[in-house]
C-alpha cells in the first residue's frame, strides 16, 4: 500500500502507482473527467479516483457535509434532491440549498441526483413505464434542467424503486422479466442514449438476480456506482460480476450490523485502509448510514488528521537536518 495526496492530505492506495492529485475545483467538466494523474515508474497513466460523499436531501443535515468536506478528502458531493422531482421540490428545502452553497464554498464538485421513479406522487405512474422510452427522456431532461439552475457539475440517477412506486413490483418479484423483456429493455435504453445522451452517475450498477433490471438501466450513466459492494463482505465483493466504475460503501461508525451479521458495515478507517478494493476504479462513493452522517463525517476528519500526522512524521524522518 502506498499513498497519494488529496488537497494536502495523503490517502492510502494499492501498490503499483503513486498518484499526485490536485485541487480541480477550477477545472471544467471535460478536464476533470479526462485528467490523468502523474505516475512514477513505468506504470501507465491513471486518473485520480473520485471520493464522493452522499448527501440525502430529505434526511441529513448540511452540517454533515461541511464536516466531511473539512477533512480535505472529499472531491464530489452527491446531493440527492429530496426524492423524485414530483415528490418534492428542492427549492422548498432549505437544507438542500444550504448544502449546495457549502459544497461550492469548499470547491467540491456537485452531483445533482434524483430518484428515477416517483415514490409518493404515483398517480400517473405505471409498471409499464419501465418500457416507455419517453419516460426516460423526460426524466433526464428534467434532471439536467434542475442541475443547470444552480450550476451543478454533474447529474445522477438512483434507479432503485422506493416507497409506493409501481416499480417495486419488479424488485420484490411480483413481476418477473423474461429474457425477451430484458432484451427489449436493452434496445430501449440504447434508443434513449441515442436520443438524449447519458447522465454522469447512476446507481445501482446492478442487482442481485434479474428481478429489477438495474444493470440494463445503468447503461444510461457514464459512471456506474456499485451497491453490491456496500457491505464489508470481502468474499461477496470478490465474486461480483456486474461491471461498475465507482465502488459504493455503506459506512457506519462501527462494523456491526445487528440485523444482518454476515453483512458488516464499512467504517471510514476500513474503507480507506483497504483502498485496494477501489483504487483501480474511477472512485469511491461513501454512503453514510441513515441518521449518522454527522458522526461518520467526524470519523472522516479524524482519519484525515491521522494521515496528515503520518505525512509529517515521514517528512521528519526523511529530513537529514533533524535533531
C-alpha atoms as a PDB file:
ATOM      1  CA  UNK A   1       0.000   0.000   0.000  1.00  0.00           C
ATOM      2  CA  UNK A   2       1.225   3.477  -0.899  1.00  0.00           C
ATOM      3  CA  UNK A   3      -0.137   6.986  -0.565  1.00  0.00           C
ATOM      4  CA  UNK A   4      -1.463   9.706  -2.836  1.00  0.00           C
ATOM      5  CA  UNK A   5      -2.058  13.339  -1.962  1.00  0.00           C
ATOM      6  CA  UNK A   6      -5.526  14.905  -1.986  1.00  0.00           C
ATOM      7  CA  UNK A   7      -5.898  18.565  -1.004  1.00  0.00           C
ATOM      8  CA  UNK A   8      -2.812  18.357   1.215  1.00  0.00           C
ATOM      9  CA  UNK A   9      -3.815  15.048   2.810  1.00  0.00           C
ATOM     10  CA  UNK A  10      -2.334  11.653   1.991  1.00  0.00           C
ATOM     11  CA  UNK A  11      -4.615   8.748   1.178  1.00  0.00           C
ATOM     12  CA  UNK A  12      -3.524   5.096   1.033  1.00  0.00           C
ATOM     13  CA  UNK A  13      -3.982   3.347  -2.318  1.00  0.00           C
ATOM     14  CA  UNK A  14      -2.993  -0.003  -3.693  1.00  0.00           C
ATOM     15  CA  UNK A  15       0.594  -0.788  -4.590  1.00  0.00           C
ATOM     16  CA  UNK A  16       1.650  -0.128  -8.181  1.00  0.00           C
ATOM     17  CA  UNK A  17       1.292   3.618  -8.729  1.00  0.00           C
ATOM     18  CA  UNK A  18       1.855   6.900  -6.989  1.00  0.00           C
ATOM     19  CA  UNK A  19      -0.879   9.369  -7.830  1.00  0.00           C
ATOM     20  CA  UNK A  20      -0.433  13.091  -7.225  1.00  0.00           C
ATOM     21  CA  UNK A  21      -3.925  14.584  -7.228  1.00  0.00           C
ATOM     22  CA  UNK A  22      -4.553  18.306  -7.439  1.00  0.00           C
ATOM     23  CA  UNK A  23      -7.462  20.528  -6.473  1.00  0.00           C
ATOM     24  CA  UNK A  24      -9.507  20.614  -9.668  1.00  0.00           C
ATOM     25  CA  UNK A  25     -12.194  22.959  -8.351  1.00  0.00           C
ATOM     26  CA  UNK A  26     -11.434  25.424 -11.147  1.00  0.00           C
ATOM     27  CA  UNK A  27     -11.188  22.785 -13.869  1.00  0.00           C
ATOM     28  CA  UNK A  28     -14.012  22.415 -16.314  1.00  0.00           C
ATOM     29  CA  UNK A  29     -16.099  19.263 -16.572  1.00  0.00           C
ATOM     30  CA  UNK A  30     -14.215  17.782 -19.515  1.00  0.00           C
ATOM     31  CA  UNK A  31     -10.829  18.384 -17.932  1.00  0.00           C
ATOM     32  CA  UNK A  32     -11.907  16.676 -14.721  1.00  0.00           C
ATOM     33  CA  UNK A  33     -13.225  13.592 -16.462  1.00  0.00           C
ATOM     34  CA  UNK A  34     -10.171  13.289 -18.693  1.00  0.00           C
ATOM     35  CA  UNK A  35      -7.392  14.449 -16.349  1.00  0.00           C
ATOM     36  CA  UNK A  36      -4.622  11.865 -15.975  1.00  0.00           C
ATOM     37  CA  UNK A  37      -2.580  11.508 -12.819  1.00  0.00           C
ATOM     38  CA  UNK A  38       1.208  11.816 -12.751  1.00  0.00           C
ATOM     39  CA  UNK A  39       2.611   8.354 -12.254  1.00  0.00           C
ATOM     40  CA  UNK A  40       6.034   7.219 -11.112  1.00  0.00           C
ATOM     41  CA  UNK A  41       7.914   4.394 -12.799  1.00  0.00           C
ATOM     42  CA  UNK A  42       6.726   2.756 -15.978  1.00  0.00           C
ATOM     43  CA  UNK A  43       3.085   2.271 -14.967  1.00  0.00           C
ATOM     44  CA  UNK A  44       0.581   3.686 -17.450  1.00  0.00           C
ATOM     45  CA  UNK A  45      -1.150   6.965 -16.525  1.00  0.00           C
ATOM     46  CA  UNK A  46      -4.088   6.541 -14.182  1.00  0.00           C
ATOM     47  CA  UNK A  47      -6.808   9.054 -13.439  1.00  0.00           C
ATOM     48  CA  UNK A  48      -7.157  10.105  -9.794  1.00  0.00           C
ATOM     49  CA  UNK A  49     -10.157   8.425  -8.152  1.00  0.00           C
ATOM     50  CA  UNK A  50     -13.151  10.481  -7.104  1.00  0.00           C
ATOM     51  CA  UNK A  51     -14.026  10.476  -3.416  1.00  0.00           C
ATOM     52  CA  UNK A  52     -17.777  11.071  -3.304  1.00  0.00           C
ATOM     53  CA  UNK A  53     -19.824  11.911  -0.205  1.00  0.00           C
ATOM     54  CA  UNK A  54     -23.539  11.114  -0.469  1.00  0.00           C
ATOM     55  CA  UNK A  55     -25.953  13.661   0.995  1.00  0.00           C
ATOM     56  CA  UNK A  56     -29.614  12.787   1.415  1.00  0.00           C
ATOM     57  CA  UNK A  57     -31.639  15.945   0.928  1.00  0.00           C
ATOM     58  CA  UNK A  58     -34.589  14.683   2.945  1.00  0.00           C
ATOM     59  CA  UNK A  59     -32.685  13.202   5.886  1.00  0.00           C
ATOM     60  CA  UNK A  60     -29.188  14.573   6.534  1.00  0.00           C
ATOM     61  CA  UNK A  61     -28.190  17.952   7.906  1.00  0.00           C
ATOM     62  CA  UNK A  62     -25.997  20.303   5.841  1.00  0.00           C
ATOM     63  CA  UNK A  63     -23.509  20.405   8.709  1.00  0.00           C
ATOM     64  CA  UNK A  64     -22.593  16.780   7.998  1.00  0.00           C
ATOM     65  CA  UNK A  65     -21.425  17.764   4.505  1.00  0.00           C
ATOM     66  CA  UNK A  66     -19.433  20.713   5.833  1.00  0.00           C
ATOM     67  CA  UNK A  67     -17.663  18.457   8.341  1.00  0.00           C
ATOM     68  CA  UNK A  68     -16.917  15.845   5.660  1.00  0.00           C
ATOM     69  CA  UNK A  69     -15.524  18.467   3.290  1.00  0.00           C
ATOM     70  CA  UNK A  70     -13.334  19.937   6.026  1.00  0.00           C
ATOM     71  CA  UNK A  71     -11.414  16.630   6.025  1.00  0.00           C
ATOM     72  CA  UNK A  72      -9.903  17.534   2.652  1.00  0.00           C
ATOM     73  CA  UNK A  73     -10.609  14.035   1.350  1.00  0.00           C
ATOM     74  CA  UNK A  74     -13.897  14.620  -0.489  1.00  0.00           C
ATOM     75  CA  UNK A  75     -13.807  15.678  -4.138  1.00  0.00           C
ATOM     76  CA  UNK A  76     -17.518  15.365  -5.004  1.00  0.00           C
ATOM     77  CA  UNK A  77     -20.801  15.707  -3.108  1.00  0.00           C
ATOM     78  CA  UNK A  78     -23.722  13.682  -4.388  1.00  0.00           C
ATOM     79  CA  UNK A  79     -26.763  15.749  -3.440  1.00  0.00           C
ATOM     80  CA  UNK A  80     -29.853  13.620  -3.725  1.00  0.00           C
ATOM     81  CA  UNK A  81     -32.512  16.238  -4.327  1.00  0.00           C
ATOM     82  CA  UNK A  82     -35.221  15.093  -1.953  1.00  0.00           C
ATOM     83  CA  UNK A  83     -36.590  12.008  -3.698  1.00  0.00           C
ATOM     84  CA  UNK A  84     -38.139  12.198  -7.176  1.00  0.00           C
ATOM     85  CA  UNK A  85     -38.809  15.608  -8.713  1.00  0.00           C
ATOM     86  CA  UNK A  86     -42.580  15.010  -8.465  1.00  0.00           C
ATOM     87  CA  UNK A  87     -42.326  14.048  -4.802  1.00  0.00           C
ATOM     88  CA  UNK A  88     -40.514  17.145  -3.523  1.00  0.00           C
ATOM     89  CA  UNK A  89     -39.355  20.434  -4.985  1.00  0.00           C
ATOM     90  CA  UNK A  90     -35.781  21.161  -3.967  1.00  0.00           C
ATOM     91  CA  UNK A  91     -36.211  24.954  -3.791  1.00  0.00           C
ATOM     92  CA  UNK A  92     -38.582  24.468  -0.856  1.00  0.00           C
ATOM     93  CA  UNK A  93     -35.914  22.529   1.033  1.00  0.00           C
ATOM     94  CA  UNK A  94     -33.642  24.983   2.871  1.00  0.00           C
ATOM     95  CA  UNK A  95     -31.186  22.204   3.794  1.00  0.00           C
ATOM     96  CA  UNK A  96     -30.557  21.321   0.145  1.00  0.00           C
ATOM     97  CA  UNK A  97     -29.971  24.948  -0.815  1.00  0.00           C
ATOM     98  CA  UNK A  98     -27.586  25.361   2.128  1.00  0.00           C
ATOM     99  CA  UNK A  99     -25.705  22.177   1.206  1.00  0.00           C
ATOM    100  CA  UNK A 100     -25.297  23.344  -2.383  1.00  0.00           C
ATOM    101  CA  UNK A 101     -23.680  26.542  -1.131  1.00  0.00           C
ATOM    102  CA  UNK A 102     -21.432  24.667   1.314  1.00  0.00           C
ATOM    103  CA  UNK A 103     -20.155  22.417  -1.479  1.00  0.00           C
ATOM    104  CA  UNK A 104     -19.462  25.440  -3.673  1.00  0.00           C
ATOM    105  CA  UNK A 105     -17.656  27.230  -0.843  1.00  0.00           C
ATOM    106  CA  UNK A 106     -15.295  24.261  -0.492  1.00  0.00           C
ATOM    107  CA  UNK A 107     -14.745  23.950  -4.222  1.00  0.00           C
ATOM    108  CA  UNK A 108     -16.215  20.431  -4.308  1.00  0.00           C
ATOM    109  CA  UNK A 109     -17.880  19.149  -7.438  1.00  0.00           C
ATOM    110  CA  UNK A 110     -21.659  18.808  -7.136  1.00  0.00           C
ATOM    111  CA  UNK A 111     -23.547  15.793  -8.452  1.00  0.00           C
ATOM    112  CA  UNK A 112     -27.265  16.583  -8.602  1.00  0.00           C
ATOM    113  CA  UNK A 113     -29.217  13.335  -8.390  1.00  0.00           C
ATOM    114  CA  UNK A 114     -32.819  12.262  -8.166  1.00  0.00           C
ATOM    115  CA  UNK A 115     -34.866   9.093  -7.881  1.00  0.00           C
ATOM    116  CA  UNK A 116     -35.692   7.894 -11.371  1.00  0.00           C
ATOM    117  CA  UNK A 117     -39.078   6.553 -10.294  1.00  0.00           C
ATOM    118  CA  UNK A 118     -41.677   8.603  -8.338  1.00  0.00           C
ATOM    119  CA  UNK A 119     -42.102   7.108  -4.878  1.00  0.00           C
ATOM    120  CA  UNK A 120     -45.064   9.029  -3.484  1.00  0.00           C
ATOM    121  CA  UNK A 121     -46.686  11.077  -6.252  1.00  0.00           C
ATOM    122  CA  UNK A 122     -47.548   7.949  -8.184  1.00  0.00           C
ATOM    123  CA  UNK A 123     -50.999   8.704  -9.599  1.00  0.00           C
ATOM    124  CA  UNK A 124     -49.594   8.854 -13.128  1.00  0.00           C
ATOM    125  CA  UNK A 125     -47.060   6.038 -12.642  1.00  0.00           C
ATOM    126  CA  UNK A 126     -47.351   2.555 -14.018  1.00  0.00           C
ATOM    127  CA  UNK A 127     -45.158  -0.533 -14.025  1.00  0.00           C
ATOM    128  CA  UNK A 128     -45.214  -0.272 -17.816  1.00  0.00           C
ATOM    129  CA  UNK A 129     -43.133   2.912 -17.534  1.00  0.00           C
ATOM    130  CA  UNK A 130     -40.142   0.574 -17.473  1.00  0.00           C
ATOM    131  CA  UNK A 131     -40.635   0.166 -21.240  1.00  0.00           C
ATOM    132  CA  UNK A 132     -41.628   3.763 -22.048  1.00  0.00           C
ATOM    133  CA  UNK A 133     -38.796   5.488 -23.920  1.00  0.00           C
ATOM    134  CA  UNK A 134     -40.379   8.908 -23.437  1.00  0.00           C
ATOM    135  CA  UNK A 135     -40.419   8.459 -19.657  1.00  0.00           C
ATOM    136  CA  UNK A 136     -36.621   8.171 -19.531  1.00  0.00           C
ATOM    137  CA  UNK A 137     -36.114  11.052 -21.937  1.00  0.00           C
ATOM    138  CA  UNK A 138     -38.341  13.385 -19.868  1.00  0.00           C
ATOM    139  CA  UNK A 139     -36.620  12.429 -16.605  1.00  0.00           C
ATOM    140  CA  UNK A 140     -33.121  13.022 -17.985  1.00  0.00           C
ATOM    141  CA  UNK A 141     -34.107  16.358 -19.475  1.00  0.00           C
ATOM    142  CA  UNK A 142     -35.788  17.472 -16.233  1.00  0.00           C
ATOM    143  CA  UNK A 143     -32.762  16.382 -14.199  1.00  0.00           C
ATOM    144  CA  UNK A 144     -30.403  18.389 -16.394  1.00  0.00           C
ATOM    145  CA  UNK A 145     -32.608  21.454 -16.159  1.00  0.00           C
ATOM    146  CA  UNK A 146     -32.624  21.321 -12.354  1.00  0.00           C
ATOM    147  CA  UNK A 147     -28.867  20.821 -12.241  1.00  0.00           C
ATOM    148  CA  UNK A 148     -28.387  23.766 -14.580  1.00  0.00           C
ATOM    149  CA  UNK A 149     -30.415  26.164 -12.426  1.00  0.00           C
ATOM    150  CA  UNK A 150     -27.853  26.169  -9.610  1.00  0.00           C
ATOM    151  CA  UNK A 151     -24.716  25.258 -11.529  1.00  0.00           C
ATOM    152  CA  UNK A 152     -24.225  21.606 -10.601  1.00  0.00           C
ATOM    153  CA  UNK A 153     -21.223  19.957 -12.237  1.00  0.00           C
ATOM    154  CA  UNK A 154     -22.755  16.532 -12.836  1.00  0.00           C
ATOM    155  CA  UNK A 155     -26.083  14.690 -12.914  1.00  0.00           C
ATOM    156  CA  UNK A 156     -27.008  11.389 -11.276  1.00  0.00           C
ATOM    157  CA  UNK A 157     -29.931   8.966 -11.121  1.00  0.00           C
ATOM    158  CA  UNK A 158     -30.935   6.497  -8.427  1.00  0.00           C
ATOM    159  CA  UNK A 159     -32.785   3.783 -10.345  1.00  0.00           C
ATOM    160  CA  UNK A 160     -33.878   1.665  -7.378  1.00  0.00           C
ATOM    161  CA  UNK A 161     -37.654   1.947  -6.828  1.00  0.00           C
ATOM    162  CA  UNK A 162     -38.872   3.028  -3.382  1.00  0.00           C
ATOM    163  CA  UNK A 163     -42.000   3.577  -1.305  1.00  0.00           C
ATOM    164  CA  UNK A 164     -45.204   3.332  -3.359  1.00  0.00           C
ATOM    165  CA  UNK A 165     -43.576   3.160  -6.772  1.00  0.00           C
ATOM    166  CA  UNK A 166     -45.234   0.566  -9.040  1.00  0.00           C
ATOM    167  CA  UNK A 167     -41.679  -0.438  -9.987  1.00  0.00           C
ATOM    168  CA  UNK A 168     -41.259  -2.081  -6.580  1.00  0.00           C
ATOM    169  CA  UNK A 169     -43.210  -4.969  -8.085  1.00  0.00           C
ATOM    170  CA  UNK A 170     -40.133  -5.811 -10.162  1.00  0.00           C
ATOM    171  CA  UNK A 171     -37.833  -5.612  -7.165  1.00  0.00           C
ATOM    172  CA  UNK A 172     -39.844  -7.977  -4.974  1.00  0.00           C
ATOM    173  CA  UNK A 173     -40.598 -10.444  -7.798  1.00  0.00           C
ATOM    174  CA  UNK A 174     -44.312  -9.714  -8.130  1.00  0.00           C
ATOM    175  CA  UNK A 175     -43.498  -9.003 -11.772  1.00  0.00           C
ATOM    176  CA  UNK A 176     -40.754 -11.044 -13.400  1.00  0.00           C
ATOM    177  CA  UNK A 177     -38.896 -10.225 -16.574  1.00  0.00           C
ATOM    178  CA  UNK A 178     -38.497 -12.802 -19.295  1.00  0.00           C
ATOM    179  CA  UNK A 179     -35.269 -12.925 -21.350  1.00  0.00           C
ATOM    180  CA  UNK A 180     -37.072 -11.274 -24.254  1.00  0.00           C
ATOM    181  CA  UNK A 181     -38.215  -8.459 -21.903  1.00  0.00           C
ATOM    182  CA  UNK A 182     -34.636  -7.787 -20.889  1.00  0.00           C
ATOM    183  CA  UNK A 183     -33.547  -7.728 -24.500  1.00  0.00           C
ATOM    184  CA  UNK A 184     -36.314  -5.253 -25.354  1.00  0.00           C
ATOM    185  CA  UNK A 185     -35.237  -3.048 -22.475  1.00  0.00           C
ATOM    186  CA  UNK A 186     -31.621  -3.091 -23.663  1.00  0.00           C
ATOM    187  CA  UNK A 187     -32.712  -1.856 -27.082  1.00  0.00           C
ATOM    188  CA  UNK A 188     -34.913   0.811 -25.480  1.00  0.00           C
ATOM    189  CA  UNK A 189     -32.063   2.123 -23.300  1.00  0.00           C
ATOM    190  CA  UNK A 190     -29.842   2.378 -26.375  1.00  0.00           C
ATOM    191  CA  UNK A 191     -32.596   4.371 -28.042  1.00  0.00           C
ATOM    192  CA  UNK A 192     -32.740   6.757 -25.076  1.00  0.00           C
ATOM    193  CA  UNK A 193     -28.965   7.274 -25.133  1.00  0.00           C
ATOM    194  CA  UNK A 194     -29.006   7.906 -28.859  1.00  0.00           C
ATOM    195  CA  UNK A 195     -31.764  10.472 -28.340  1.00  0.00           C
ATOM    196  CA  UNK A 196     -30.628  12.495 -25.299  1.00  0.00           C
ATOM    197  CA  UNK A 197     -27.295  11.027 -24.212  1.00  0.00           C
ATOM    198  CA  UNK A 198     -26.421   9.822 -20.718  1.00  0.00           C
ATOM    199  CA  UNK A 199     -26.352  11.128 -17.178  1.00  0.00           C
ATOM    200  CA  UNK A 200     -22.963  11.264 -15.449  1.00  0.00           C
ATOM    201  CA  UNK A 201     -23.516   8.996 -12.438  1.00  0.00           C
ATOM    202  CA  UNK A 202     -26.070   6.219 -11.989  1.00  0.00           C
ATOM    203  CA  UNK A 203     -26.752   3.769  -9.185  1.00  0.00           C
ATOM    204  CA  UNK A 204     -27.054   0.938  -8.545  1.00  0.00           C
ATOM    205  CA  UNK A 205     -24.852  -0.596 -11.235  1.00  0.00           C
ATOM    206  CA  UNK A 206     -26.719  -3.862 -10.906  1.00  0.00           C
ATOM    207  CA  UNK A 207     -28.926  -6.005  -8.731  1.00  0.00           C
ATOM    208  CA  UNK A 208     -28.624  -9.459  -7.260  1.00  0.00           C
ATOM    209  CA  UNK A 209     -30.535 -11.645  -9.678  1.00  0.00           C
ATOM    210  CA  UNK A 210     -32.596 -10.409 -12.612  1.00  0.00           C
ATOM    211  CA  UNK A 211     -35.605  -9.017 -10.723  1.00  0.00           C
ATOM    212  CA  UNK A 212     -35.137  -5.241 -11.043  1.00  0.00           C
ATOM    213  CA  UNK A 213     -33.072  -4.752 -14.227  1.00  0.00           C
ATOM    214  CA  UNK A 214     -30.808  -2.034 -12.819  1.00  0.00           C
ATOM    215  CA  UNK A 215     -27.840  -3.438 -14.713  1.00  0.00           C
ATOM    216  CA  UNK A 216     -29.573  -2.638 -18.004  1.00  0.00           C
ATOM    217  CA  UNK A 217     -30.835   0.795 -16.932  1.00  0.00           C
ATOM    218  CA  UNK A 218     -27.322   1.570 -15.654  1.00  0.00           C
ATOM    219  CA  UNK A 219     -26.256   1.957 -19.281  1.00  0.00           C
ATOM    220  CA  UNK A 220     -27.887   5.393 -19.021  1.00  0.00           C
ATOM    221  CA  UNK A 221     -24.883   6.544 -16.948  1.00  0.00           C
ATOM    222  CA  UNK A 222     -21.192   7.121 -17.591  1.00  0.00           C
ATOM    223  CA  UNK A 223     -20.116   6.161 -14.074  1.00  0.00           C
ATOM    224  CA  UNK A 224     -21.991   3.195 -12.622  1.00  0.00           C
ATOM    225  CA  UNK A 225     -21.965   3.097  -8.825  1.00  0.00           C
ATOM    226  CA  UNK A 226     -21.968  -0.379  -7.308  1.00  0.00           C
ATOM    227  CA  UNK A 227     -24.262  -1.023  -4.362  1.00  0.00           C
ATOM    228  CA  UNK A 228     -23.381  -4.714  -4.399  1.00  0.00           C
ATOM    229  CA  UNK A 229     -20.140  -3.606  -2.725  1.00  0.00           C
ATOM    230  CA  UNK A 230     -21.944  -1.705   0.047  1.00  0.00           C
ATOM    231  CA  UNK A 231     -21.141  -4.168   2.823  1.00  0.00           C
ATOM    232  CA  UNK A 232     -17.729  -5.285   4.085  1.00  0.00           C
ATOM    233  CA  UNK A 233     -18.220  -8.864   2.955  1.00  0.00           C
ATOM    234  CA  UNK A 234     -14.978  -9.367   1.044  1.00  0.00           C
ATOM    235  CA  UNK A 235     -15.869 -12.788  -0.335  1.00  0.00           C
ATOM    236  CA  UNK A 236     -19.098 -11.409  -1.766  1.00  0.00           C
ATOM    237  CA  UNK A 237     -17.325  -8.395  -3.264  1.00  0.00           C
ATOM    238  CA  UNK A 238     -14.748 -10.627  -4.912  1.00  0.00           C
ATOM    239  CA  UNK A 239     -17.417 -12.515  -6.849  1.00  0.00           C
ATOM    240  CA  UNK A 240     -19.361  -9.538  -8.207  1.00  0.00           C
ATOM    241  CA  UNK A 241     -19.688  -9.915 -11.963  1.00  0.00           C
ATOM    242  CA  UNK A 242     -21.734  -6.799 -12.749  1.00  0.00           C
ATOM    243  CA  UNK A 243     -19.434  -4.105 -14.211  1.00  0.00           C
ATOM    244  CA  UNK A 244     -19.078  -0.800 -12.373  1.00  0.00           C
ATOM    245  CA  UNK A 245     -16.812   2.243 -12.291  1.00  0.00           C
ATOM    246  CA  UNK A 246     -17.448   3.538  -8.761  1.00  0.00           C
ATOM    247  CA  UNK A 247     -17.110   1.420  -5.606  1.00  0.00           C
ATOM    248  CA  UNK A 248     -20.012   2.102  -3.245  1.00  0.00           C
ATOM    249  CA  UNK A 249     -19.543   1.690   0.514  1.00  0.00           C
ATOM    250  CA  UNK A 250     -22.262   1.754   3.179  1.00  0.00           C
ATOM    251  CA  UNK A 251     -20.426   3.380   6.071  1.00  0.00           C
ATOM    252  CA  UNK A 252     -21.203   3.356   9.782  1.00  0.00           C
ATOM    253  CA  UNK A 253     -19.279   4.235  12.930  1.00  0.00           C
ATOM    254  CA  UNK A 254     -18.963   0.506  13.660  1.00  0.00           C
ATOM    255  CA  UNK A 255     -18.818  -2.677  11.562  1.00  0.00           C
ATOM    256  CA  UNK A 256     -21.597  -4.393  13.493  1.00  0.00           C
ATOM    257  CA  UNK A 257     -24.830  -4.983  11.602  1.00  0.00           C
ATOM    258  CA  UNK A 258     -27.275  -6.411  14.114  1.00  0.00           C
ATOM    259  CA  UNK A 259     -29.944  -7.150  11.529  1.00  0.00           C
ATOM    260  CA  UNK A 260     -27.593  -8.905   9.083  1.00  0.00           C
ATOM    261  CA  UNK A 261     -24.445 -10.094  10.920  1.00  0.00           C
ATOM    262  CA  UNK A 262     -22.920 -11.529   7.736  1.00  0.00           C
ATOM    263  CA  UNK A 263     -23.110  -8.099   6.100  1.00  0.00           C
ATOM    264  CA  UNK A 264     -20.981  -5.830   8.290  1.00  0.00           C
ATOM    265  CA  UNK A 265     -20.791  -2.131   7.569  1.00  0.00           C
ATOM    266  CA  UNK A 266     -17.636  -0.414   6.430  1.00  0.00           C
ATOM    267  CA  UNK A 267     -16.075   2.129   8.742  1.00  0.00           C
ATOM    268  CA  UNK A 268     -14.139   5.138   7.462  1.00  0.00           C
ATOM    269  CA  UNK A 269     -10.840   3.623   8.559  1.00  0.00           C
ATOM    270  CA  UNK A 270     -11.590   0.245   6.978  1.00  0.00           C
ATOM    271  CA  UNK A 271     -12.655   1.570   3.582  1.00  0.00           C
ATOM    272  CA  UNK A 272      -9.542   3.754   3.271  1.00  0.00           C
ATOM    273  CA  UNK A 273      -7.122   1.246   4.801  1.00  0.00           C
ATOM    274  CA  UNK A 274      -8.399  -1.306   2.268  1.00  0.00           C
ATOM    275  CA  UNK A 275      -8.226   1.020  -0.711  1.00  0.00           C
ATOM    276  CA  UNK A 276      -7.156  -1.890  -2.925  1.00  0.00           C
ATOM    277  CA  UNK A 277     -10.898  -2.540  -3.155  1.00  0.00           C
ATOM    278  CA  UNK A 278     -11.477   0.658  -5.134  1.00  0.00           C
ATOM    279  CA  UNK A 279      -8.158   2.239  -6.139  1.00  0.00           C
ATOM    280  CA  UNK A 280      -8.351   0.625  -9.584  1.00  0.00           C
ATOM    281  CA  UNK A 281     -11.846   2.055 -10.099  1.00  0.00           C
ATOM    282  CA  UNK A 282     -12.860   5.585 -11.007  1.00  0.00           C
ATOM    283  CA  UNK A 283     -13.692   6.367  -7.416  1.00  0.00           C
ATOM    284  CA  UNK A 284     -15.262   5.679  -4.050  1.00  0.00           C
ATOM    285  CA  UNK A 285     -18.885   6.501  -3.168  1.00  0.00           C
ATOM    286  CA  UNK A 286     -19.360   6.950   0.591  1.00  0.00           C
ATOM    287  CA  UNK A 287     -22.977   6.401   1.637  1.00  0.00           C
ATOM    288  CA  UNK A 288     -23.315   7.275   5.339  1.00  0.00           C
ATOM    289  CA  UNK A 289     -25.683   5.141   7.380  1.00  0.00           C
ATOM    290  CA  UNK A 290     -29.083   6.743   7.832  1.00  0.00           C
ATOM    291  CA  UNK A 291     -29.180   9.379  10.613  1.00  0.00           C
ATOM    292  CA  UNK A 292     -25.460   9.008  11.348  1.00  0.00           C
ATOM    293  CA  UNK A 293     -23.971  11.221   8.650  1.00  0.00           C
ATOM    294  CA  UNK A 294     -22.564  13.797  11.057  1.00  0.00           C
ATOM    295  CA  UNK A 295     -20.845  11.191  13.257  1.00  0.00           C
ATOM    296  CA  UNK A 296     -19.377   9.456  10.209  1.00  0.00           C
ATOM    297  CA  UNK A 297     -18.185  12.785   8.834  1.00  0.00           C
ATOM    298  CA  UNK A 298     -16.364  13.386  12.123  1.00  0.00           C
ATOM    299  CA  UNK A 299     -14.703   9.983  11.746  1.00  0.00           C
ATOM    300  CA  UNK A 300     -13.553  11.120   8.305  1.00  0.00           C
ATOM    301  CA  UNK A 301     -11.966  14.230   9.811  1.00  0.00           C
ATOM    302  CA  UNK A 302     -10.208  12.133  12.460  1.00  0.00           C
ATOM    303  CA  UNK A 303      -8.874   9.817   9.770  1.00  0.00           C
ATOM    304  CA  UNK A 304      -7.584  12.712   7.660  1.00  0.00           C
ATOM    305  CA  UNK A 305      -5.744  14.104  10.691  1.00  0.00           C
ATOM    306  CA  UNK A 306      -4.165  10.710  11.228  1.00  0.00           C
ATOM    307  CA  UNK A 307      -2.956  10.722   7.619  1.00  0.00           C
ATOM    308  CA  UNK A 308      -1.654  14.274   7.940  1.00  0.00           C
ATOM    309  CA  UNK A 309       0.304  13.273  11.030  1.00  0.00           C
ATOM    310  CA  UNK A 310       1.735  10.282   9.151  1.00  0.00           C
ATOM    311  CA  UNK A 311       2.843  12.604   6.355  1.00  0.00           C
ATOM    312  CA  UNK A 312       4.562  14.977   8.791  1.00  0.00           C
ATOM    313  CA  UNK A 313       6.266  12.065  10.539  1.00  0.00           C
ATOM    314  CA  UNK A 314       7.526  10.721   7.207  1.00  0.00           C
ATOM    315  CA  UNK A 315       8.858  14.132   6.183  1.00  0.00           C
ATOM    316  CA  UNK A 316      10.564  14.496   9.525  1.00  0.00           C
ATOM    317  CA  UNK A 317      12.217  11.067   9.295  1.00  0.00           C
ATOM    318  CA  UNK A 318      13.494  11.880   5.802  1.00  0.00           C
ATOM    319  CA  UNK A 319      14.961  15.213   6.871  1.00  0.00           C
ATOM    320  CA  UNK A 320      18.745  14.780   7.254  1.00  0.00           C
ATOM    321  CA  UNK A 321      18.939  18.006   9.290  1.00  0.00           C
ATOM    322  CA  UNK A 322      16.519  16.885  12.001  1.00  0.00           C
ATOM    323  CA  UNK A 323      17.927  16.695  15.505  1.00  0.00           C
END
